Amino acid sequence: QVQLVESGGGLVQPGGSLRLSCAASGTRGTFSLYTMGWYRRAPGKQRELVATITRGGTTNYADSVKGRFTISRDNAKATVSLQMNSLNAEDTAVYYCNAFLPGTANYWGQGTQVTVSS
């Protein structure tokens, strides 16, 4: 069973930065095969895609975060990170790490809270 553990959330002022990390365990050497992603759920809203990165390193971002957020992965360490810059109140949400292997598996972390407020 794959487990995903997020870290790095917290309270930040508008315009600030945070870096989220997600550590995967239990992948049994297959981490590099997964498409990894970050999703978020803001209060009163549905969970939405923030960014994904494929096994080949192709990235995809929600329009709302393009140019501000950067997703990256370290297959040797089985981790995926999300660098978030120029944060604003609309970025306040619980951020979830996702590991997806088409037709095979779809795993979620427990989430980490990001609050952007002055």
Protein backbone atom coordinates (compact mmCIF):
# COMPACT_ATOMS: atom_id res chain seq x y z
CA GLN A 1 0.00 0.00 0.00
CA VAL A 2 1.41 3.36 -1.05
CA GLN A 3 1.38 6.09 1.55
CA LEU A 4 1.80 9.78 0.83
CA VAL A 5 2.75 12.25 3.55
CA GLU A 6 2.60 15.98 2.88
CA SER A 7 4.53 18.63 4.75
CA GLY A 8 5.36 22.30 4.48
CA GLY A 9 1.98 23.91 4.89
CA GLY A 10 1.32 26.83 7.18
CA LEU A 11 0.38 30.46 7.47
CA VAL A 12 1.96 32.93 5.07
CA GLN A 13 1.35 36.56 4.24
CA PRO A 14 0.06 37.62 0.81
CA GLY A 15 2.93 37.76 -1.63
CA GLY A 16 4.90 35.20 0.33
CA SER A 17 6.18 31.76 -0.57
CA LEU A 18 5.85 28.22 0.68
CA ARG A 19 7.28 24.92 -0.42
CA LEU A 20 5.19 21.80 -0.01
CA SER A 21 6.74 18.36 -0.02
CA CYS A 22 5.22 14.91 -0.36
CA ALA A 23 7.08 11.76 0.57
CA ALA A 24 5.90 8.46 -0.84
CA SER A 25 6.48 5.10 0.77
CA GLY A 26 5.47 1.60 -0.18
CA THR A 27 5.96 2.10 -3.92
CA ARG A 28 8.44 -0.78 -4.04
CA GLY A 29 10.69 0.94 -6.50
CA THR A 30 7.90 2.03 -8.85
CA PHE A 31 7.64 5.68 -7.77
CA SER A 32 9.16 6.87 -11.03
CA LEU A 33 6.26 5.33 -12.95
CA TYR A 34 3.59 7.40 -11.22
CA THR A 35 2.17 10.67 -12.38
CA MET A 36 2.42 12.82 -9.27
CA GLY A 37 0.18 15.74 -8.57
CA TRP A 38 -0.95 18.39 -6.17
CA TYR A 39 -4.62 19.21 -5.70
CA ARG A 40 -6.34 21.57 -3.34
CA ARG A 41 -9.71 22.09 -1.73
CA ALA A 42 -10.64 25.57 -0.64
CA PRO A 43 -13.40 26.14 1.92
CA GLY A 44 -16.79 25.51 0.36
CA LYS A 45 -15.33 24.37 -2.95
CA GLN A 46 -14.56 21.11 -4.68
CA ARG A 47 -11.09 19.70 -4.88
CA GLU A 48 -9.24 21.02 -7.92
CA LEU A 49 -6.05 20.23 -9.76
CA VAL A 50 -3.09 22.47 -9.01
CA ALA A 51 -0.22 20.80 -10.85
CA THR A 52 0.91 17.42 -12.12
CA ILE A 53 4.18 15.95 -13.29
CA THR A 54 4.39 12.79 -15.36
CA ARG A 55 6.93 10.00 -15.23
CA GLY A 56 8.68 11.74 -18.10
CA GLY A 57 8.78 15.09 -16.35
CA THR A 58 6.00 16.78 -18.30
CA THR A 59 4.24 19.32 -16.12
CA ASN A 60 0.72 20.70 -16.17
CA TYR A 61 -0.65 23.60 -14.14
CA ALA A 62 -3.99 25.12 -13.38
CA ASP A 63 -4.32 28.49 -15.07
CA SER A 64 -4.66 30.16 -11.68
CA VAL A 65 -1.17 29.12 -10.60
CA LYS A 66 0.81 29.25 -13.84
CA GLY A 67 3.92 31.34 -13.45
CA ARG A 68 3.70 31.24 -9.65
CA PHE A 69 3.89 27.56 -8.74
CA THR A 70 6.47 24.97 -9.78
CA ILE A 71 6.11 21.23 -9.35
CA SER A 72 9.16 18.97 -9.27
CA ARG A 73 9.99 15.41 -8.38
CA ASP A 74 12.96 13.46 -7.09
CA ASN A 75 12.55 9.84 -8.08
CA ALA A 76 15.58 8.73 -6.08
CA LYS A 77 14.01 10.08 -2.91
CA ALA A 78 10.41 9.28 -3.92
CA THR A 79 9.31 12.83 -3.30
CA VAL A 80 7.37 15.50 -5.11
CA SER A 81 7.46 19.18 -4.24
CA LEU A 82 5.43 22.26 -4.98
CA GLN A 83 7.14 25.63 -4.81
CA MET A 84 4.49 28.31 -4.36
CA ASN A 85 5.38 31.97 -4.88
CA SER A 86 3.35 35.17 -4.90
CA LEU A 87 0.68 33.58 -2.79
CA ASN A 88 -2.67 35.26 -2.40
CA ALA A 89 -5.80 34.67 -0.36
CA GLU A 90 -7.34 32.58 -3.15
CA ASP A 91 -4.58 30.03 -2.64
CA THR A 92 -5.84 29.25 0.86
CA ALA A 93 -6.82 25.59 0.87
CA VAL A 94 -5.93 22.13 2.00
CA TYR A 95 -3.33 20.80 -0.43
CA TYR A 96 -3.29 17.11 -1.27
CA CYS A 97 -0.59 15.00 -2.85
CA ASN A 98 -1.68 12.43 -5.42
CA ALA A 99 0.04 9.44 -7.00
CA PHE A 100 -1.61 8.09 -10.13
CA LEU A 101 -0.78 5.07 -12.23
CA PRO A 102 -3.35 4.72 -15.06
CA GLY A 103 -5.52 1.68 -14.72
CA THR A 104 -3.71 0.55 -11.64
CA ALA A 105 -3.65 2.90 -8.70
CA ASN A 106 -4.68 6.27 -7.39
CA TYR A 107 -3.43 7.33 -3.95
CA TRP A 108 -4.02 10.43 -1.85
CA GLY A 109 -2.26 11.98 1.08
CA GLN A 110 -4.03 13.36 4.12
CA GLY A 111 -3.49 16.96 3.11
CA THR A 112 -1.68 19.97 4.48
CA GLN A 113 -3.28 23.33 5.23
CA VAL A 114 -2.05 26.45 3.50
CA THR A 115 -3.44 29.74 4.76
CA VAL A 116 -2.61 33.03 3.10
CA SER A 117 -3.53 35.93 5.33
CA SER A 118 -2.12 39.13 6.71
